[in-house]
N, C-alpha and C. Protein backbone atom coordinates (compact mmCIF):
# COMPACT_ATOMS: atom_id res chain seq x y z
N ALA A 1 39.23 -71.29 -1.60
CA ALA A 1 39.39 -72.47 -3.06
C ALA A 1 40.74 -73.43 -3.08
N VAL A 2 41.27 -73.22 -2.71
CA VAL A 2 42.23 -73.77 -2.26
C VAL A 2 41.56 -75.31 -1.24
N VAL A 3 41.03 -74.89 -0.03
CA VAL A 3 40.76 -76.06 0.66
C VAL A 3 39.36 -77.07 -0.29
N SER A 4 39.07 -76.52 -1.11
CA SER A 4 38.14 -76.74 -2.23
C SER A 4 38.98 -77.62 -2.95
N THR A 5 39.93 -77.41 -3.49
CA THR A 5 41.19 -78.45 -4.68
C THR A 5 41.58 -79.43 -3.78
N GLN A 6 42.08 -79.07 -2.52
CA GLN A 6 42.85 -80.20 -1.86
C GLN A 6 41.37 -81.60 -1.17
N SER A 7 40.31 -80.97 -1.31
CA SER A 7 39.24 -81.63 -0.10
C SER A 7 39.23 -82.87 -1.96
N THR A 8 38.67 -81.86 -3.20
CA THR A 8 38.66 -82.80 -4.13
C THR A 8 39.45 -83.46 -4.60
N GLY A 9 40.88 -83.33 -4.52
CA GLY A 9 41.97 -84.12 -4.77
C GLY A 9 42.25 -85.23 -3.82
N VAL A 10 41.56 -85.05 -2.66
CA VAL A 10 42.05 -86.49 -1.85
C VAL A 10 40.93 -87.24 -1.71
N ALA A 11 39.23 -86.90 -2.05
CA ALA A 11 38.48 -87.25 -2.15
C ALA A 11 38.47 -88.46 -3.34
N THR A 12 38.60 -88.06 -4.71
CA THR A 12 38.47 -88.25 -5.55
C THR A 12 40.17 -89.59 -5.98
N ALA A 13 41.21 -89.50 -4.87
CA ALA A 13 42.67 -90.29 -4.62
C ALA A 13 41.57 -91.44 -3.92
N VAL A 14 40.77 -90.85 -3.05
CA VAL A 14 40.29 -92.43 -1.88
C VAL A 14 39.28 -92.99 -2.88
N VAL A 15 38.65 -92.51 -3.68
CA VAL A 15 37.40 -93.30 -4.06
C VAL A 15 38.50 -93.72 -5.09
N PHE A 16 39.45 -93.80 -6.14
CA PHE A 16 40.26 -94.20 -7.07
C PHE A 16 40.51 -95.99 -6.56
N SER A 17 41.18 -95.01 -5.17
CA SER A 17 42.25 -96.47 -4.91
C SER A 17 41.09 -97.19 -3.82
N ILE A 18 39.88 -97.15 -3.46
CA ILE A 18 39.17 -98.15 -3.04
C ILE A 18 38.82 -98.78 -4.33
N SER A 19 37.97 -98.31 -5.03
CA SER A 19 37.74 -98.96 -6.35
C SER A 19 38.31 -99.65 -7.24
N ASN A 20 39.76 -99.59 -7.50
CA ASN A 20 40.51 -100.59 -7.93
C ASN A 20 41.17 -101.61 -7.12
N VAL A 21 41.05 -101.65 -6.40
CA VAL A 21 41.14 -102.79 -4.90
C VAL A 21 41.00 -104.06 -5.56
N PRO A 22 39.70 -104.12 -5.64
CA PRO A 22 39.10 -105.64 -5.92
C PRO A 22 39.90 -105.74 -7.32
N TYR A 23 40.07 -104.83 -8.41
CA TYR A 23 40.91 -105.43 -9.94
C TYR A 23 42.34 -105.51 -9.59
N ALA A 24 43.13 -105.50 -8.59
CA ALA A 24 44.01 -105.16 -8.53
C ALA A 24 44.51 -106.94 -7.24
N ALA A 25 43.45 -106.99 -6.81
CA ALA A 25 43.59 -108.64 -6.04
C ALA A 25 42.96 -109.28 -6.88
N TRP A 26 42.13 -109.25 -7.93
CA TRP A 26 41.45 -109.97 -9.02
C TRP A 26 42.99 -110.61 -10.33
N CYS A 27 43.68 -109.64 -10.00
CA CYS A 27 44.58 -109.74 -11.11
C CYS A 27 45.86 -110.51 -10.85
N VAL A 28 46.18 -110.24 -9.33
CA VAL A 28 46.80 -110.88 -8.49
C VAL A 28 46.67 -112.31 -8.32
N CYS A 29 45.37 -112.79 -7.87
CA CYS A 29 44.77 -113.84 -7.91
C CYS A 29 44.92 -114.79 -9.30
N ARG A 30 44.61 -114.30 -10.54
CA ARG A 30 44.77 -114.82 -11.23
C ARG A 30 46.02 -115.14 -12.38
N HIS A 31 46.54 -113.91 -11.81
CA HIS A 31 48.08 -114.21 -12.26
C HIS A 31 48.67 -115.62 -11.20
N LEU A 32 48.74 -115.78 -9.95
CA LEU A 32 49.47 -116.61 -9.27
C LEU A 32 48.48 -118.34 -9.13
N ASN A 33 47.17 -118.10 -9.21
CA ASN A 33 46.49 -118.98 -9.10
C ASN A 33 46.68 -120.40 -10.81
N GLN A 34 46.66 -119.21 -11.54
CA GLN A 34 46.65 -120.15 -12.83
C GLN A 34 45.06 -120.27 -13.13
N HIS A 35 43.91 -120.18 -12.51
CA HIS A 35 42.73 -120.24 -12.51
C HIS A 35 42.06 -119.44 -12.92
N LYS A 36 40.62 -119.45 -13.03
CA LYS A 36 39.38 -118.29 -13.32
C LYS A 36 39.07 -118.46 -12.42
N PRO A 37 39.00 -116.83 -11.59
CA PRO A 37 38.08 -116.49 -10.27
C PRO A 37 36.84 -116.86 -10.20
N VAL A 38 36.20 -117.18 -9.19
CA VAL A 38 34.78 -117.33 -9.32
C VAL A 38 34.04 -115.70 -9.92
N LEU A 39 32.80 -116.19 -10.30
CA LEU A 39 31.89 -115.23 -11.03
C LEU A 39 31.83 -114.06 -10.29
N TRP A 40 31.50 -114.21 -8.99
CA TRP A 40 31.08 -112.88 -7.97
C TRP A 40 32.35 -112.15 -8.04
N PHE A 41 33.62 -112.60 -8.18
CA PHE A 41 34.30 -111.83 -7.62
C PHE A 41 34.59 -111.15 -9.11
N THR A 42 35.16 -112.29 -9.80
CA THR A 42 35.52 -111.54 -11.41
C THR A 42 34.33 -109.83 -11.58
N SER A 43 32.85 -110.22 -11.51
CA SER A 43 32.07 -109.57 -11.48
C SER A 43 32.35 -107.87 -10.83
N LEU A 44 32.95 -108.57 -9.46
CA LEU A 44 32.80 -106.97 -8.72
C LEU A 44 34.20 -106.73 -8.82
N ALA A 45 35.25 -107.22 -9.65
CA ALA A 45 36.98 -106.84 -9.73
C ALA A 45 36.48 -105.95 -11.09
N LEU A 46 35.21 -106.68 -11.88
CA LEU A 46 35.38 -105.25 -13.38
C LEU A 46 34.32 -104.15 -13.36
N THR A 47 33.64 -104.35 -12.57
CA THR A 47 32.84 -103.23 -12.39
C THR A 47 32.84 -102.14 -11.34
N ALA A 48 33.87 -102.46 -9.99
CA ALA A 48 33.93 -101.57 -9.01
C ALA A 48 34.95 -100.06 -9.64
N PRO A 49 35.92 -100.62 -10.37
CA PRO A 49 36.89 -99.59 -10.97
C PRO A 49 35.61 -98.40 -11.90
N LEU A 50 34.06 -98.47 -11.93
CA LEU A 50 33.67 -97.66 -12.68
C LEU A 50 33.19 -96.98 -11.58
N LEU A 51 33.09 -97.41 -10.16
CA LEU A 51 32.55 -96.26 -9.04
C LEU A 51 33.82 -94.94 -9.52
N ASN A 52 34.78 -94.79 -9.52
CA ASN A 52 35.60 -94.36 -9.62
C ASN A 52 34.96 -92.83 -10.58
N VAL A 53 34.92 -93.44 -12.09
CA VAL A 53 34.03 -92.51 -12.88
C VAL A 53 32.55 -91.91 -12.77
N MET A 54 31.90 -92.53 -12.23
CA MET A 54 30.52 -92.20 -11.42
C MET A 54 30.87 -91.14 -10.44
N SER A 55 31.88 -90.87 -9.26
CA SER A 55 31.60 -90.84 -8.15
C SER A 55 32.14 -89.18 -8.39
N ASN A 56 33.45 -89.47 -9.49
CA ASN A 56 33.61 -87.75 -9.90
C ASN A 56 32.70 -86.74 -10.04
N PHE A 57 31.68 -86.79 -10.48
CA PHE A 57 30.39 -85.83 -10.76
C PHE A 57 30.08 -85.03 -9.64
N TYR A 58 29.96 -86.57 -8.44
CA TYR A 58 29.42 -86.40 -7.20
C TYR A 58 30.31 -85.38 -6.53
N ILE A 59 31.44 -85.83 -6.34
CA ILE A 59 32.56 -85.34 -5.76
C ILE A 59 32.95 -83.78 -6.44
N TYR A 60 32.73 -83.58 -7.21
CA TYR A 60 32.65 -82.30 -7.90
C TYR A 60 31.93 -81.33 -7.86
N CYS A 61 30.74 -81.83 -7.60
CA CYS A 61 29.36 -80.83 -7.00
C CYS A 61 29.69 -80.69 -5.79
N LEU A 62 30.00 -81.90 -5.06
CA LEU A 62 30.20 -81.62 -3.43
C LEU A 62 31.10 -80.65 -3.10
N THR A 63 32.05 -80.43 -3.83
CA THR A 63 33.36 -79.81 -3.25
C THR A 63 33.73 -78.52 -4.45
N ILE A 64 33.04 -78.11 -5.60
CA ILE A 64 33.47 -77.06 -6.40
C ILE A 64 31.86 -76.40 -6.18
N PRO A 65 32.18 -75.14 -6.01
CA PRO A 65 31.22 -74.35 -6.11
C PRO A 65 30.78 -73.76 -7.96
N SER A 66 31.91 -73.88 -8.16
CA SER A 66 31.83 -73.09 -9.74
C SER A 66 31.14 -74.69 -10.48
N PHE A 67 31.30 -75.35 -10.47
CA PHE A 67 30.82 -76.79 -11.24
C PHE A 67 29.90 -76.86 -10.33
N ARG A 68 29.60 -76.78 -9.34
CA ARG A 68 27.92 -77.22 -8.98
C ARG A 68 27.08 -75.88 -9.57
N ALA A 69 27.52 -74.42 -9.64
CA ALA A 69 26.75 -73.42 -10.55
C ALA A 69 26.37 -74.01 -11.80
N PHE A 70 27.54 -74.19 -12.29
CA PHE A 70 27.97 -74.45 -13.98
C PHE A 70 26.45 -75.26 -14.62
N VAL A 71 26.37 -76.81 -13.39
CA VAL A 71 25.60 -77.61 -13.66
C VAL A 71 24.34 -77.46 -13.15
N GLY A 72 24.06 -76.58 -12.51
CA GLY A 72 22.66 -75.95 -12.16
C GLY A 72 22.11 -75.41 -13.32
N ASN A 73 22.78 -74.10 -13.81
CA ASN A 73 22.46 -73.09 -15.39
C ASN A 73 22.12 -74.25 -16.22
N LYS A 74 22.79 -75.44 -16.45
CA LYS A 74 22.23 -76.54 -17.47
C LYS A 74 21.25 -77.01 -17.55
N ILE A 75 20.93 -77.28 -16.00
CA ILE A 75 19.38 -77.95 -15.59
C ILE A 75 18.66 -76.76 -15.92
N LYS A 76 19.00 -75.85 -15.76
CA LYS A 76 17.93 -74.62 -15.78
C LYS A 76 17.43 -74.50 -17.37
N GLN A 77 19.13 -74.52 -18.27
CA GLN A 77 18.65 -74.11 -19.42
C GLN A 77 17.67 -75.33 -20.10
N PHE A 78 18.05 -76.47 -19.53
CA PHE A 78 17.46 -77.55 -20.21
C PHE A 78 15.85 -77.77 -20.34
N LYS A 79 15.68 -77.67 -18.70
CA LYS A 79 14.22 -77.20 -18.33
C LYS A 79 13.25 -76.56 -18.97
N CYS A 80 13.67 -75.23 -19.24
CA CYS A 80 13.40 -73.98 -20.03
C CYS A 80 13.03 -74.37 -21.54
N SER A 81 14.05 -75.14 -22.03
CA SER A 81 14.10 -75.50 -23.93
C SER A 81 13.18 -76.62 -23.87
N THR A 82 13.31 -77.44 -22.69
CA THR A 82 12.01 -78.75 -22.86
C THR A 82 10.76 -77.89 -22.34
N GLN A 83 10.26 -76.90 -21.80
CA GLN A 83 9.19 -77.01 -21.54
C GLN A 83 8.84 -75.40 -22.34
N SER A 84 9.56 -75.22 -23.28
CA SER A 84 8.92 -74.29 -24.44
C SER A 84 8.99 -75.14 -25.15
N THR A 85 9.37 -76.57 -25.42
CA THR A 85 9.18 -77.52 -26.85
C THR A 85 8.07 -77.23 -26.36
N GLU A 86 7.87 -78.33 -25.31
CA GLU A 86 6.42 -78.85 -24.68
C GLU A 86 5.14 -77.81 -24.73
N THR A 87 5.41 -76.60 -25.08
CA THR A 87 3.84 -75.70 -24.69
C THR A 87 3.74 -75.17 -26.58
N TYR A 88 5.04 -75.55 -27.01
CA TYR A 88 5.02 -75.51 -28.76
C TYR A 88 4.09 -76.69 -29.31
N ASN A 89 4.77 -77.68 -28.82
CA ASN A 89 3.69 -79.04 -29.49
C ASN A 89 2.53 -79.16 -29.30
N LEU A 90 2.08 -78.95 -27.62
CA LEU A 90 0.45 -78.91 -27.46
C LEU A 90 0.03 -77.39 -28.21
N GLU A 91 0.55 -76.51 -28.47
CA GLU A 91 -0.62 -75.33 -29.46
C GLU A 91 -0.77 -75.94 -30.78
N LEU A 92 0.71 -76.93 -31.41
CA LEU A 92 0.19 -77.23 -32.64
C LEU A 92 -0.14 -78.72 -32.66
N GLU A 93 -0.75 -79.12 -32.14
CA GLU A 93 -1.32 -80.34 -31.95
C GLU A 93 -2.55 -81.08 -32.24
N PRO A 94 -3.73 -80.17 -31.86
CA PRO A 94 -4.73 -79.96 -32.47
C PRO A 94 -4.88 -80.00 -33.70
N ALA A 95 -4.07 -79.07 -34.55
CA ALA A 95 -4.40 -78.43 -35.94
C ALA A 95 -3.23 -80.02 -36.71
N LEU A 96 -2.20 -80.24 -35.98
CA LEU A 96 -2.14 -81.78 -36.87
C LEU A 96 -2.59 -82.52 -36.67
N THR A 97 -3.46 -83.24 -35.59
CA THR A 97 -4.39 -84.46 -35.81
C THR A 97 -5.49 -84.20 -36.05
N ASP A 98 -6.35 -83.29 -36.50
CA ASP A 98 -7.68 -82.94 -37.38
C ASP A 98 -7.09 -83.04 -38.49
N THR A 99 -7.35 -84.11 -39.20
CA THR A 99 -7.39 -84.32 -40.31
C THR A 99 -9.06 -84.54 -41.32
N ARG A 100 -10.06 -84.75 -40.59
CA ARG A 100 -11.51 -84.49 -41.03
C ARG A 100 -11.76 -83.19 -41.97
N VAL A 101 -10.83 -82.43 -42.18
CA VAL A 101 -11.46 -80.95 -42.93
C VAL A 101 -11.65 -81.39 -44.32
């Protein structure tokens, strides 16, 4: 468990650092130049930090077995609940759609 925690922390820190470099550079450029940076760089700088948020789910799934099991159980529960709902709706559908009675 210690190795898992360490690798999770390292991976999260690396992704956080990499994803925030464009934003930091954008802030410095904007402060020093007093001009608006080009559009593609602004878009990259403002969206790159979102990679950190999105990657955390995958990092946790890859490095923490209990989180992976938790997600797997939730997916199974969701599949079971949607399958039972679909079966229930299929059984009631002919009765609900037949209005010629």
